[in-house]
Amino acid sequence: MSNEKKIAVLEFSGVLMPDYYTDYISGMVGYHTALSVKAKVNALLENNDSVLVELGAMYGGAAYELLALVSYFSSLNKQGKIEGYVSGIAASAGAVLATVLKAKVSKYAQIMYHGVQFSSSGSVQEVQADVNHATQLNDTIASILVDYAGISQEKANELTASNNFLVAQEASDLGLVGQISEMPTVLTTNKKVQNNMFGLNLNSVADFLNVKNQFEALSANAVDAANAKKDEEWSSKVNALQAKLDGISAEHSTAMANAIEAKTQEFELQVNNLTTENEGLKNQITELQNQITKLENTPNNTGSPEGGDDLSGGKDEGVKALSEFENYYKKRSKK
């Protein structure tokens, strides 16, 4: 029986996504989550002694998932069940994982560290809370570099302050990664195990083309599904906004109708009051006219031997009063 150690390969290139994308990215090349990586490593360890993680072009990704993989990789590394090799670039989260694995590196590889990047919106207090949280995450990542690379806190803070690209030799000299070495043989010969991360068995060009077509179909379906979902979301948002607009329009129409009705009633009341007042004035004029007519029909007793009353003065006063009242009425009616 052979005692040769069986090593499986996990190609870890692309982007580390949040775990809630796990089902969505299933079968898609270059996209990983902490959950999918753990599942692949555990599956490979069922039939192999250890797993070699190749960081070919690892561009980084989600901070929370990085922290989950740090603990996971660290535990397996201490058991001798996992190691790493940087063949291209390990950036951001990839650089931190390379440090945790003490990964060996190609002499042409590059390592890039930087601080936590995030976006935020909301109130000043909410944005400040997000800034505080991002600062805590940054401090945590800096402490990981201190713990696994043995560098000073000052150096760790410097590396996580902004984008810092290091060539292989510089990163190795600082203790951030392992030794510079040629690509392990298992990465160039064990193709069948290497592709087990996708559940593939590539033994011929025909197999490759078949798998290529499958991936293209999966990608097209994923794009179609994503577009359909986006269209559905937009349609839902548009419908919600239209319903809100209709509600506002209905409320506005009701308010306008109520305001117009109230003003109409107020105007009608004023007209009724004026009409009543005018009728009263007309009645007073009629009464005065009647009194004047009565005075005009009364005999003039001026100069009677008995010294009867002279009513001519009363008639003049009545005519004058009527004239003044008619002028008042005309002015009142114009208002």
C-alpha atoms as a PDB file:
ATOM      1  CA  MET A   1       0.000   0.000   0.000  1.00  0.00           C
ATOM      2  CA  SER A   2       1.318   3.441  -0.972  1.00  0.00           C
ATOM      3  CA  ASN A   3       1.954   5.952   1.798  1.00  0.00           C
ATOM      4  CA  GLU A   4       1.966   8.858  -0.643  1.00  0.00           C
ATOM      5  CA  LYS A   5      -0.056  11.754   0.679  1.00  0.00           C
ATOM      6  CA  LYS A   6      -3.137  12.469  -1.375  1.00  0.00           C
ATOM      7  CA  ILE A   7      -3.486  16.194  -2.032  1.00  0.00           C
ATOM      8  CA  ALA A   8      -6.553  17.748  -3.638  1.00  0.00           C
ATOM      9  CA  VAL A   9      -6.585  21.182  -5.208  1.00  0.00           C
ATOM     10  CA  LEU A  10      -9.081  23.985  -4.642  1.00  0.00           C
ATOM     11  CA  GLU A  11      -8.811  26.718  -7.223  1.00  0.00           C
ATOM     12  CA  PHE A  12      -9.729  29.882  -5.339  1.00  0.00           C
ATOM     13  CA  SER A  13      -9.789  32.724  -7.853  1.00  0.00           C
ATOM     14  CA  GLY A  14     -12.293  35.488  -8.380  1.00  0.00           C
ATOM     15  CA  VAL A  15     -14.420  37.109  -5.692  1.00  0.00           C
ATOM     16  CA  LEU A  16     -15.629  36.104  -2.233  1.00  0.00           C
ATOM     17  CA  MET A  17     -19.339  36.944  -2.064  1.00  0.00           C
ATOM     18  CA  PRO A  18     -21.717  37.259   0.923  1.00  0.00           C
ATOM     19  CA  ASP A  19     -23.119  33.893   2.024  1.00  0.00           C
ATOM     20  CA  TYR A  20     -26.668  34.764   0.997  1.00  0.00           C
ATOM     21  CA  TYR A  21     -25.511  34.467  -2.643  1.00  0.00           C
ATOM     22  CA  THR A  22     -24.538  30.801  -2.158  1.00  0.00           C
ATOM     23  CA  ASP A  23     -27.467  29.278  -4.052  1.00  0.00           C
ATOM     24  CA  TYR A  24     -27.436  31.942  -6.734  1.00  0.00           C
ATOM     25  CA  ILE A  25     -23.754  31.508  -7.683  1.00  0.00           C
ATOM     26  CA  SER A  26     -23.874  27.714  -7.656  1.00  0.00           C
ATOM     27  CA  GLY A  27     -22.047  26.513 -10.760  1.00  0.00           C
ATOM     28  CA  MET A  28     -20.678  29.954 -11.647  1.00  0.00           C
ATOM     29  CA  VAL A  29     -16.912  30.202 -12.123  1.00  0.00           C
ATOM     30  CA  GLY A  30     -15.047  32.866 -10.154  1.00  0.00           C
ATOM     31  CA  TYR A  31     -17.680  33.443  -7.485  1.00  0.00           C
ATOM     32  CA  HIS A  32     -17.418  31.943  -4.009  1.00  0.00           C
ATOM     33  CA  THR A  33     -18.948  32.278  -0.569  1.00  0.00           C
ATOM     34  CA  ALA A  34     -17.618  31.111   2.776  1.00  0.00           C
ATOM     35  CA  LEU A  35     -20.302  28.407   2.789  1.00  0.00           C
ATOM     36  CA  SER A  36     -19.434  27.141  -0.706  1.00  0.00           C
ATOM     37  CA  VAL A  37     -15.683  27.102   0.029  1.00  0.00           C
ATOM     38  CA  LYS A  38     -16.196  25.148   3.251  1.00  0.00           C
ATOM     39  CA  ALA A  39     -18.435  22.659   1.461  1.00  0.00           C
ATOM     40  CA  LYS A  40     -15.849  22.113  -1.297  1.00  0.00           C
ATOM     41  CA  VAL A  41     -12.960  21.702   1.147  1.00  0.00           C
ATOM     42  CA  ASN A  42     -14.922  19.286   3.316  1.00  0.00           C
ATOM     43  CA  ALA A  43     -15.884  17.254   0.233  1.00  0.00           C
ATOM     44  CA  LEU A  44     -12.256  17.121  -0.953  1.00  0.00           C
ATOM     45  CA  LEU A  45     -11.022  16.018   2.483  1.00  0.00           C
ATOM     46  CA  GLU A  46     -13.341  13.008   2.420  1.00  0.00           C
ATOM     47  CA  ASN A  47     -11.086  11.285  -0.138  1.00  0.00           C
ATOM     48  CA  ASN A  48      -7.819  13.166   0.346  1.00  0.00           C
ATOM     49  CA  ASP A  49      -5.351  13.843   3.123  1.00  0.00           C
ATOM     50  CA  SER A  50      -5.128  17.572   2.539  1.00  0.00           C
ATOM     51  CA  VAL A  51      -6.204  20.404   0.282  1.00  0.00           C
ATOM     52  CA  LEU A  52      -3.944  22.861  -1.518  1.00  0.00           C
ATOM     53  CA  VAL A  53      -5.718  26.181  -2.051  1.00  0.00           C
ATOM     54  CA  GLU A  54      -4.403  27.925  -5.149  1.00  0.00           C
ATOM     55  CA  LEU A  55      -4.890  31.692  -5.055  1.00  0.00           C
ATOM     56  CA  GLY A  56      -4.504  32.378  -8.752  1.00  0.00           C
ATOM     57  CA  ALA A  57      -6.270  35.695  -9.210  1.00  0.00           C
ATOM     58  CA  MET A  58      -8.104  36.317  -5.951  1.00  0.00           C
ATOM     59  CA  TYR A  59      -9.429  39.851  -5.913  1.00  0.00           C
ATOM     60  CA  GLY A  60     -10.954  39.905  -2.435  1.00  0.00           C
ATOM     61  CA  GLY A  61     -14.541  40.173  -1.284  1.00  0.00           C
ATOM     62  CA  ALA A  62     -16.884  40.271   1.682  1.00  0.00           C
ATOM     63  CA  ALA A  63     -15.349  41.051   5.084  1.00  0.00           C
ATOM     64  CA  TYR A  64     -17.710  38.941   7.226  1.00  0.00           C
ATOM     65  CA  GLU A  65     -17.151  35.863   5.062  1.00  0.00           C
ATOM     66  CA  LEU A  66     -13.406  36.510   5.222  1.00  0.00           C
ATOM     67  CA  LEU A  67     -13.539  36.322   9.025  1.00  0.00           C
ATOM     68  CA  ALA A  68     -15.427  33.018   8.808  1.00  0.00           C
ATOM     69  CA  LEU A  69     -12.773  31.540   6.490  1.00  0.00           C
ATOM     70  CA  VAL A  70      -9.911  32.837   8.646  1.00  0.00           C
ATOM     71  CA  SER A  71     -11.063  30.688  11.570  1.00  0.00           C
ATOM     72  CA  TYR A  72     -11.844  27.715   9.309  1.00  0.00           C
ATOM     73  CA  PHE A  73      -8.548  27.776   7.368  1.00  0.00           C
ATOM     74  CA  SER A  74      -6.548  28.393  10.542  1.00  0.00           C
ATOM     75  CA  SER A  75      -8.024  25.326  12.244  1.00  0.00           C
ATOM     76  CA  LEU A  76      -7.358  23.041   9.243  1.00  0.00           C
ATOM     77  CA  ASN A  77      -3.892  24.486   8.749  1.00  0.00           C
ATOM     78  CA  LYS A  78      -2.922  23.610  12.313  1.00  0.00           C
ATOM     79  CA  GLN A  79      -4.083  20.044  11.595  1.00  0.00           C
ATOM     80  CA  GLY A  80      -1.962  19.880   8.447  1.00  0.00           C
ATOM     81  CA  LYS A  81      -5.071  19.512   6.286  1.00  0.00           C
ATOM     82  CA  ILE A  82      -4.804  22.688   4.248  1.00  0.00           C
ATOM     83  CA  GLU A  83      -2.108  24.902   2.759  1.00  0.00           C
ATOM     84  CA  GLY A  84      -1.939  27.653   0.192  1.00  0.00           C
ATOM     85  CA  TYR A  85      -0.055  28.779  -2.887  1.00  0.00           C
ATOM     86  CA  VAL A  86      -0.249  32.204  -4.575  1.00  0.00           C
ATOM     87  CA  SER A  87       0.367  31.835  -8.288  1.00  0.00           C
ATOM     88  CA  GLY A  88      -0.924  35.239  -9.439  1.00  0.00           C
ATOM     89  CA  ILE A  89      -2.315  37.874  -7.103  1.00  0.00           C
ATOM     90  CA  ALA A  90      -3.896  37.611  -3.692  1.00  0.00           C
ATOM     91  CA  ALA A  91      -5.616  40.923  -2.990  1.00  0.00           C
ATOM     92  CA  SER A  92      -7.719  42.217  -0.124  1.00  0.00           C
ATOM     93  CA  ALA A  93      -9.456  39.227   1.497  1.00  0.00           C
ATOM     94  CA  GLY A  94      -7.244  36.944  -0.614  1.00  0.00           C
ATOM     95  CA  ALA A  95      -4.118  38.524   0.869  1.00  0.00           C
ATOM     96  CA  VAL A  96      -5.378  37.980   4.419  1.00  0.00           C
ATOM     97  CA  LEU A  97      -6.152  34.320   3.665  1.00  0.00           C
ATOM     98  CA  ALA A  98      -2.671  33.913   2.147  1.00  0.00           C
ATOM     99  CA  THR A  99      -1.243  35.214   5.427  1.00  0.00           C
ATOM    100  CA  VAL A 100      -3.388  32.853   7.515  1.00  0.00           C
ATOM    101  CA  LEU A 101      -2.340  29.870   5.356  1.00  0.00           C
ATOM    102  CA  LYS A 102       1.288  31.027   5.339  1.00  0.00           C
ATOM    103  CA  ALA A 103       0.962  30.360   1.620  1.00  0.00           C
ATOM    104  CA  LYS A 104       3.992  29.785  -0.536  1.00  0.00           C
ATOM    105  CA  VAL A 105       4.238  32.187  -3.461  1.00  0.00           C
ATOM    106  CA  SER A 106       5.441  32.309  -7.011  1.00  0.00           C
ATOM    107  CA  LYS A 107       8.310  34.761  -7.450  1.00  0.00           C
ATOM    108  CA  TYR A 108       6.067  36.672  -9.862  1.00  0.00           C
ATOM    109  CA  ALA A 109       3.090  36.842  -7.538  1.00  0.00           C
ATOM    110  CA  GLN A 110       1.814  39.978  -5.866  1.00  0.00           C
ATOM    111  CA  ILE A 111       0.074  40.530  -2.553  1.00  0.00           C
ATOM    112  CA  MET A 112      -2.198  43.528  -1.914  1.00  0.00           C
ATOM    113  CA  TYR A 113      -3.539  44.639   1.465  1.00  0.00           C
ATOM    114  CA  HIS A 114      -5.912  47.508   2.107  1.00  0.00           C
ATOM    115  CA  GLY A 115      -8.576  48.705   4.509  1.00  0.00           C
ATOM    116  CA  VAL A 116     -12.249  47.833   4.669  1.00  0.00           C
ATOM    117  CA  GLN A 117     -14.315  49.499   1.966  1.00  0.00           C
ATOM    118  CA  PHE A 118     -18.024  50.181   2.383  1.00  0.00           C
ATOM    119  CA  SER A 119     -20.880  52.419   1.360  1.00  0.00           C
ATOM    120  CA  SER A 120     -23.539  53.887   3.601  1.00  0.00           C
ATOM    121  CA  SER A 121     -26.652  56.038   3.548  1.00  0.00           C
ATOM    122  CA  GLY A 122     -29.176  57.386   6.001  1.00  0.00           C
ATOM    123  CA  SER A 123     -28.985  59.928   8.786  1.00  0.00           C
ATOM    124  CA  VAL A 124     -25.726  61.409  10.049  1.00  0.00           C
ATOM    125  CA  GLN A 125     -25.952  59.153  13.098  1.00  0.00           C
ATOM    126  CA  GLU A 126     -26.527  56.036  10.976  1.00  0.00           C
ATOM    127  CA  VAL A 127     -23.622  56.814   8.648  1.00  0.00           C
ATOM    128  CA  GLN A 128     -21.373  57.504  11.649  1.00  0.00           C
ATOM    129  CA  ALA A 129     -22.379  54.145  13.147  1.00  0.00           C
ATOM    130  CA  ASP A 130     -21.393  52.431   9.880  1.00  0.00           C
ATOM    131  CA  VAL A 131     -18.065  54.274   9.875  1.00  0.00           C
ATOM    132  CA  ASN A 132     -17.413  53.120  13.446  1.00  0.00           C
ATOM    133  CA  HIS A 133     -18.250  49.541  12.499  1.00  0.00           C
ATOM    134  CA  ALA A 134     -15.981  49.646   9.431  1.00  0.00           C
ATOM    135  CA  THR A 135     -13.185  50.959  11.638  1.00  0.00           C
ATOM    136  CA  GLN A 136     -13.694  48.018  14.017  1.00  0.00           C
ATOM    137  CA  LEU A 137     -13.511  45.586  11.105  1.00  0.00           C
ATOM    138  CA  ASN A 138     -10.340  47.259   9.891  1.00  0.00           C
ATOM    139  CA  ASP A 139      -8.788  46.895  13.350  1.00  0.00           C
ATOM    140  CA  THR A 140      -9.798  43.229  13.411  1.00  0.00           C
ATOM    141  CA  ILE A 141      -8.126  42.547  10.053  1.00  0.00           C
ATOM    142  CA  ALA A 142      -5.005  44.379  11.215  1.00  0.00           C
ATOM    143  CA  SER A 143      -4.924  42.192  14.338  1.00  0.00           C
ATOM    144  CA  ILE A 144      -5.136  39.064  12.127  1.00  0.00           C
ATOM    145  CA  LEU A 145      -1.985  40.203  10.323  1.00  0.00           C
ATOM    146  CA  VAL A 146      -0.275  40.772  13.671  1.00  0.00           C
ATOM    147  CA  ASP A 147      -1.284  37.330  14.980  1.00  0.00           C
ATOM    148  CA  TYR A 148      -0.446  35.272  11.869  1.00  0.00           C
ATOM    149  CA  ALA A 149       2.492  37.203  10.417  1.00  0.00           C
ATOM    150  CA  GLY A 150       4.109  38.414  13.634  1.00  0.00           C
ATOM    151  CA  ILE A 151       4.397  41.978  12.347  1.00  0.00           C
ATOM    152  CA  SER A 152       4.026  45.029  14.564  1.00  0.00           C
ATOM    153  CA  GLN A 153       0.679  46.699  15.126  1.00  0.00           C
ATOM    154  CA  GLU A 154       2.089  49.817  13.507  1.00  0.00           C
ATOM    155  CA  LYS A 155       3.002  47.884  10.346  1.00  0.00           C
ATOM    156  CA  ALA A 156      -0.397  46.170  10.276  1.00  0.00           C
ATOM    157  CA  ASN A 157      -2.143  49.545  10.552  1.00  0.00           C
ATOM    158  CA  GLU A 158      -0.004  50.853   7.717  1.00  0.00           C
ATOM    159  CA  LEU A 159      -0.889  47.907   5.470  1.00  0.00           C
ATOM    160  CA  THR A 160      -4.617  48.278   6.118  1.00  0.00           C
ATOM    161  CA  ALA A 161      -4.694  52.067   5.772  1.00  0.00           C
ATOM    162  CA  SER A 162      -4.752  52.146   1.955  1.00  0.00           C
ATOM    163  CA  ASN A 163      -3.900  50.017  -1.086  1.00  0.00           C
ATOM    164  CA  ASN A 164      -0.479  48.422  -0.555  1.00  0.00           C
ATOM    165  CA  PHE A 165       0.893  46.190  -3.347  1.00  0.00           C
ATOM    166  CA  LEU A 166       3.823  43.999  -2.364  1.00  0.00           C
ATOM    167  CA  VAL A 167       5.945  41.850  -4.637  1.00  0.00           C
ATOM    168  CA  ALA A 168       6.467  38.247  -3.576  1.00  0.00           C
ATOM    169  CA  GLN A 169       9.900  38.731  -2.067  1.00  0.00           C
ATOM    170  CA  GLU A 170       8.843  41.753  -0.009  1.00  0.00           C
ATOM    171  CA  ALA A 171       5.759  39.989   1.350  1.00  0.00           C
ATOM    172  CA  SER A 172       7.828  36.899   2.190  1.00  0.00           C
ATOM    173  CA  ASP A 173      10.555  38.945   3.909  1.00  0.00           C
ATOM    174  CA  LEU A 174       7.907  40.604   6.099  1.00  0.00           C
ATOM    175  CA  GLY A 175       6.539  37.200   7.071  1.00  0.00           C
ATOM    176  CA  LEU A 176       3.153  37.930   5.529  1.00  0.00           C
ATOM    177  CA  VAL A 177       3.403  34.820   3.332  1.00  0.00           C
ATOM    178  CA  GLY A 178       5.604  31.759   3.177  1.00  0.00           C
ATOM    179  CA  GLN A 179       8.622  31.060   1.023  1.00  0.00           C
ATOM    180  CA  ILE A 180       8.960  31.770  -2.670  1.00  0.00           C
ATOM    181  CA  SER A 181       8.763  28.511  -4.573  1.00  0.00           C
ATOM    182  CA  GLU A 182       7.967  26.959  -7.919  1.00  0.00           C
ATOM    183  CA  MET A 183       4.382  25.891  -8.559  1.00  0.00           C
ATOM    184  CA  PRO A 184       3.693  22.595  -6.766  1.00  0.00           C
ATOM    185  CA  THR A 185       3.529  19.613  -9.109  1.00  0.00           C
ATOM    186  CA  VAL A 186       0.015  18.774  -7.980  1.00  0.00           C
ATOM    187  CA  LEU A 187      -1.218  22.007  -9.544  1.00  0.00           C
ATOM    188  CA  THR A 188       0.003  20.971 -12.987  1.00  0.00           C
ATOM    189  CA  THR A 189      -0.645  17.234 -12.982  1.00  0.00           C
ATOM    190  CA  ASN A 190      -3.691  16.426 -10.895  1.00  0.00           C
ATOM    191  CA  LYS A 191      -6.247  17.995 -13.191  1.00  0.00           C
ATOM    192  CA  LYS A 192      -9.039  15.604 -12.298  1.00  0.00           C
ATOM    193  CA  VAL A 193      -8.899  16.442  -8.597  1.00  0.00           C
ATOM    194  CA  GLN A 194      -8.251  20.086  -9.422  1.00  0.00           C
ATOM    195  CA  ASN A 195     -11.618  20.387 -11.096  1.00  0.00           C
ATOM    196  CA  ASN A 196     -13.546  18.442  -8.477  1.00  0.00           C
ATOM    197  CA  MET A 197     -14.458  21.794  -6.950  1.00  0.00           C
ATOM    198  CA  PHE A 198     -16.958  22.075  -9.813  1.00  0.00           C
ATOM    199  CA  GLY A 199     -17.919  18.389  -9.801  1.00  0.00           C
ATOM    200  CA  LEU A 200     -16.389  17.943 -13.273  1.00  0.00           C
ATOM    201  CA  ASN A 201     -14.474  15.125 -14.925  1.00  0.00           C
ATOM    202  CA  LEU A 202     -12.480  16.487 -17.846  1.00  0.00           C
ATOM    203  CA  ASN A 203     -10.722  13.679 -19.692  1.00  0.00           C
ATOM    204  CA  SER A 204     -11.102  14.908 -23.259  1.00  0.00           C
ATOM    205  CA  VAL A 205     -11.676  17.955 -25.429  1.00  0.00           C
ATOM    206  CA  ALA A 206     -15.245  16.762 -25.953  1.00  0.00           C
ATOM    207  CA  ASP A 207     -15.786  16.727 -22.183  1.00  0.00           C
ATOM    208  CA  PHE A 208     -14.381  20.228 -21.933  1.00  0.00           C
ATOM    209  CA  LEU A 209     -16.606  21.559 -24.715  1.00  0.00           C
ATOM    210  CA  ASN A 210     -19.608  19.865 -23.156  1.00  0.00           C
ATOM    211  CA  VAL A 211     -18.884  21.443 -19.781  1.00  0.00           C
ATOM    212  CA  LYS A 212     -18.177  24.791 -21.452  1.00  0.00           C
ATOM    213  CA  ASN A 213     -21.589  24.714 -23.078  1.00  0.00           C
ATOM    214  CA  GLN A 214     -23.177  23.790 -19.764  1.00  0.00           C
ATOM    215  CA  PHE A 215     -21.510  26.733 -18.045  1.00  0.00           C
ATOM    216  CA  GLU A 216     -22.571  29.104 -20.817  1.00  0.00           C
ATOM    217  CA  ALA A 217     -26.147  27.839 -20.529  1.00  0.00           C
ATOM    218  CA  LEU A 218     -26.058  28.205 -16.746  1.00  0.00           C
ATOM    219  CA  SER A 219     -24.657  31.716 -17.066  1.00  0.00           C
ATOM    220  CA  ALA A 220     -27.297  32.682 -19.631  1.00  0.00           C
ATOM    221  CA  ASN A 221     -30.040  31.252 -17.444  1.00  0.00           C
ATOM    222  CA  ALA A 222     -28.648  33.079 -14.422  1.00  0.00           C
ATOM    223  CA  VAL A 223     -28.578  36.352 -16.372  1.00  0.00           C
ATOM    224  CA  ASP A 224     -32.117  35.793 -17.647  1.00  0.00           C
ATOM    225  CA  ALA A 225     -33.319  34.932 -14.160  1.00  0.00           C
ATOM    226  CA  ALA A 226     -31.582  37.980 -12.694  1.00  0.00           C
ATOM    227  CA  ASN A 227     -33.053  40.249 -15.385  1.00  0.00           C
ATOM    228  CA  ALA A 228     -36.517  38.760 -14.905  1.00  0.00           C
ATOM    229  CA  LYS A 229     -36.248  39.264 -11.170  1.00  0.00           C
ATOM    230  CA  LYS A 230     -35.056  42.837 -11.681  1.00  0.00           C
ATOM    231  CA  ASP A 231     -37.928  43.522 -14.100  1.00  0.00           C
ATOM    232  CA  GLU A 232     -40.377  42.082 -11.585  1.00  0.00           C
ATOM    233  CA  GLU A 233     -38.921  44.209  -8.800  1.00  0.00           C
ATOM    234  CA  TRP A 234     -39.066  47.352 -10.937  1.00  0.00           C
ATOM    235  CA  SER A 235     -42.604  46.561 -12.042  1.00  0.00           C
ATOM    236  CA  SER A 236     -43.604  46.095  -8.415  1.00  0.00           C
ATOM    237  CA  LYS A 237     -41.984  49.397  -7.464  1.00  0.00           C
ATOM    238  CA  VAL A 238     -43.668  51.213 -10.366  1.00  0.00           C
ATOM    239  CA  ASN A 239     -47.049  49.740  -9.423  1.00  0.00           C
ATOM    240  CA  ALA A 240     -46.543  50.740  -5.799  1.00  0.00           C
ATOM    241  CA  LEU A 241     -45.600  54.282  -6.799  1.00  0.00           C
ATOM    242  CA  GLN A 242     -48.563  54.489  -9.184  1.00  0.00           C
ATOM    243  CA  ALA A 243     -50.903  53.299  -6.436  1.00  0.00           C
ATOM    244  CA  LYS A 244     -49.433  55.906  -4.091  1.00  0.00           C
ATOM    245  CA  LEU A 245     -49.805  58.586  -6.767  1.00  0.00           C
ATOM    246  CA  ASP A 246     -53.416  57.539  -7.396  1.00  0.00           C
ATOM    247  CA  GLY A 247     -54.113  57.724  -3.675  1.00  0.00           C
ATOM    248  CA  ILE A 248     -52.590  61.184  -3.426  1.00  0.00           C
ATOM    249  CA  SER A 249     -54.541  62.302  -6.516  1.00  0.00           C
ATOM    250  CA  ALA A 250     -57.780  60.955  -5.058  1.00  0.00           C
ATOM    251  CA  GLU A 251     -57.101  62.682  -1.735  1.00  0.00           C
ATOM    252  CA  HIS A 252     -56.306  65.921  -3.567  1.00  0.00           C
ATOM    253  CA  SER A 253     -59.480  65.678  -5.668  1.00  0.00           C
ATOM    254  CA  THR A 254     -61.591  65.002  -2.569  1.00  0.00           C
ATOM    255  CA  ALA A 255     -59.980  67.892  -0.708  1.00  0.00           C
ATOM    256  CA  MET A 256     -60.538  70.247  -3.657  1.00  0.00           C
ATOM    257  CA  ALA A 257     -64.160  69.142  -4.020  1.00  0.00           C
ATOM    258  CA  ASN A 258     -64.752  69.655  -0.289  1.00  0.00           C
ATOM    259  CA  ALA A 259     -63.095  73.080  -0.385  1.00  0.00           C
ATOM    260  CA  ILE A 260     -65.148  74.161  -3.412  1.00  0.00           C
ATOM    261  CA  GLU A 261     -68.360  72.923  -1.811  1.00  0.00           C
ATOM    262  CA  ALA A 262     -67.568  74.740   1.425  1.00  0.00           C
ATOM    263  CA  LYS A 263     -66.820  77.982  -0.430  1.00  0.00           C
ATOM    264  CA  THR A 264     -69.998  77.598  -2.498  1.00  0.00           C
ATOM    265  CA  GLN A 265     -72.085  77.140   0.623  1.00  0.00           C
ATOM    266  CA  GLU A 266     -70.402  80.123   2.228  1.00  0.00           C
ATOM    267  CA  PHE A 267     -71.085  82.270  -0.857  1.00  0.00           C
ATOM    268  CA  GLU A 268     -74.703  81.107  -1.056  1.00  0.00           C
ATOM    269  CA  LEU A 269     -75.187  82.007   2.603  1.00  0.00           C
ATOM    270  CA  GLN A 270     -73.767  85.482   1.987  1.00  0.00           C
ATOM    271  CA  VAL A 271     -76.067  85.937  -1.021  1.00  0.00           C
ATOM    272  CA  ASN A 272     -79.062  84.799   1.027  1.00  0.00           C
ATOM    273  CA  ASN A 273     -78.143  87.204   3.810  1.00  0.00           C
ATOM    274  CA  LEU A 274     -77.770  90.077   1.340  1.00  0.00           C
ATOM    275  CA  THR A 275     -81.047  89.174  -0.336  1.00  0.00           C
ATOM    276  CA  THR A 276     -82.820  89.158   3.002  1.00  0.00           C
ATOM    277  CA  GLU A 277     -81.239  92.487   3.918  1.00  0.00           C
ATOM    278  CA  ASN A 278     -82.194  93.988   0.555  1.00  0.00           C
ATOM    279  CA  GLU A 279     -85.787  92.813   0.950  1.00  0.00           C
ATOM    280  CA  GLY A 280     -85.857  94.534   4.313  1.00  0.00           C
ATOM    281  CA  LEU A 281     -84.582  97.770   2.767  1.00  0.00           C
ATOM    282  CA  LYS A 282     -87.145  97.555  -0.003  1.00  0.00           C
ATOM    283  CA  ASN A 283     -89.884  97.160   2.575  1.00  0.00           C
ATOM    284  CA  GLN A 284     -88.630 100.228   4.424  1.00  0.00           C
ATOM    285  CA  ILE A 285     -88.601 102.266   1.183  1.00  0.00           C
ATOM    286  CA  THR A 286     -92.142 101.129   0.407  1.00  0.00           C
ATOM    287  CA  GLU A 287     -93.223 102.127   3.880  1.00  0.00           C
ATOM    288  CA  LEU A 288     -91.637 105.580   3.482  1.00  0.00           C
ATOM    289  CA  GLN A 289     -93.278 106.019   0.090  1.00  0.00           C
ATOM    290  CA  ASN A 290     -96.597 105.113   1.616  1.00  0.00           C
ATOM    291  CA  GLN A 291     -96.065 107.672   4.354  1.00  0.00           C
ATOM    292  CA  ILE A 292     -95.147 110.367   1.785  1.00  0.00           C
ATOM    293  CA  THR A 293     -98.194 109.544  -0.284  1.00  0.00           C
ATOM    294  CA  LYS A 294    -100.324 109.774   2.811  1.00  0.00           C
ATOM    295  CA  LEU A 295     -98.786 113.171   3.635  1.00  0.00           C
ATOM    296  CA  GLU A 296     -99.358 114.402   0.099  1.00  0.00           C
ATOM    297  CA  ASN A 297    -103.032 113.434   0.311  1.00  0.00           C
ATOM    298  CA  THR A 298    -103.503 115.229   3.628  1.00  0.00           C
ATOM    299  CA  PRO A 299    -105.222 118.709   3.244  1.00  0.00           C
ATOM    300  CA  ASN A 300    -103.009 121.739   3.858  1.00  0.00           C
ATOM    301  CA  ASN A 301    -104.528 123.640   6.787  1.00  0.00           C
ATOM    302  CA  THR A 302    -101.999 126.469   6.692  1.00  0.00           C
ATOM    303  CA  GLY A 303    -103.630 129.833   7.435  1.00  0.00           C
ATOM    304  CA  SER A 304    -106.918 128.373   8.764  1.00  0.00           C
ATOM    305  CA  PRO A 305    -108.762 130.658  11.060  1.00  0.00           C
ATOM    306  CA  GLU A 306    -108.547 128.086  13.718  1.00  0.00           C
ATOM    307  CA  GLY A 307    -104.748 128.052  13.370  1.00  0.00           C
ATOM    308  CA  GLY A 308    -104.577 124.389  12.170  1.00  0.00           C
ATOM    309  CA  ASP A 309    -101.252 122.523  11.873  1.00  0.00           C
ATOM    310  CA  ASP A 310     -99.003 123.154   8.879  1.00  0.00           C
ATOM    311  CA  LEU A 311     -98.022 119.707   7.476  1.00  0.00           C
ATOM    312  CA  SER A 312     -95.963 120.941   4.544  1.00  0.00           C
ATOM    313  CA  GLY A 313     -92.802 120.791   6.577  1.00  0.00           C
ATOM    314  CA  GLY A 314     -93.496 117.131   7.454  1.00  0.00           C
ATOM    315  CA  LYS A 315     -93.890 116.271   3.780  1.00  0.00           C
ATOM    316  CA  ASP A 316     -90.596 117.884   2.877  1.00  0.00           C
ATOM    317  CA  GLU A 317     -88.843 115.999   5.654  1.00  0.00           C
ATOM    318  CA  GLY A 318     -90.372 112.722   4.453  1.00  0.00           C
ATOM    319  CA  VAL A 319     -89.240 113.295   0.839  1.00  0.00           C
ATOM    320  CA  LYS A 320     -85.768 114.155   2.029  1.00  0.00           C
ATOM    321  CA  ALA A 321     -85.584 111.053   4.194  1.00  0.00           C
ATOM    322  CA  LEU A 322     -86.787 108.893   1.321  1.00  0.00           C
ATOM    323  CA  SER A 323     -84.162 110.370  -1.022  1.00  0.00           C
ATOM    324  CA  GLU A 324     -81.391 109.732   1.464  1.00  0.00           C
ATOM    325  CA  PHE A 325     -82.615 106.201   2.064  1.00  0.00           C
ATOM    326  CA  GLU A 326     -82.782 105.448  -1.686  1.00  0.00           C
ATOM    327  CA  ASN A 327     -79.201 106.670  -2.123  1.00  0.00           C
ATOM    328  CA  TYR A 328     -78.127 104.445   0.746  1.00  0.00           C
ATOM    329  CA  TYR A 329     -79.961 101.496  -0.793  1.00  0.00           C
ATOM    330  CA  LYS A 330     -78.326 102.026  -4.190  1.00  0.00           C
ATOM    331  CA  LYS A 331     -74.874 102.184  -2.622  1.00  0.00           C
ATOM    332  CA  ARG A 332     -75.675  99.124  -0.512  1.00  0.00           C
ATOM    333  CA  SER A 333     -76.873  97.161  -3.546  1.00  0.00           C
ATOM    334  CA  LYS A 334     -73.622  97.829  -5.428  1.00  0.00           C
ATOM    335  CA  LYS A 335     -71.576  96.110  -2.723  1.00  0.00           C
END
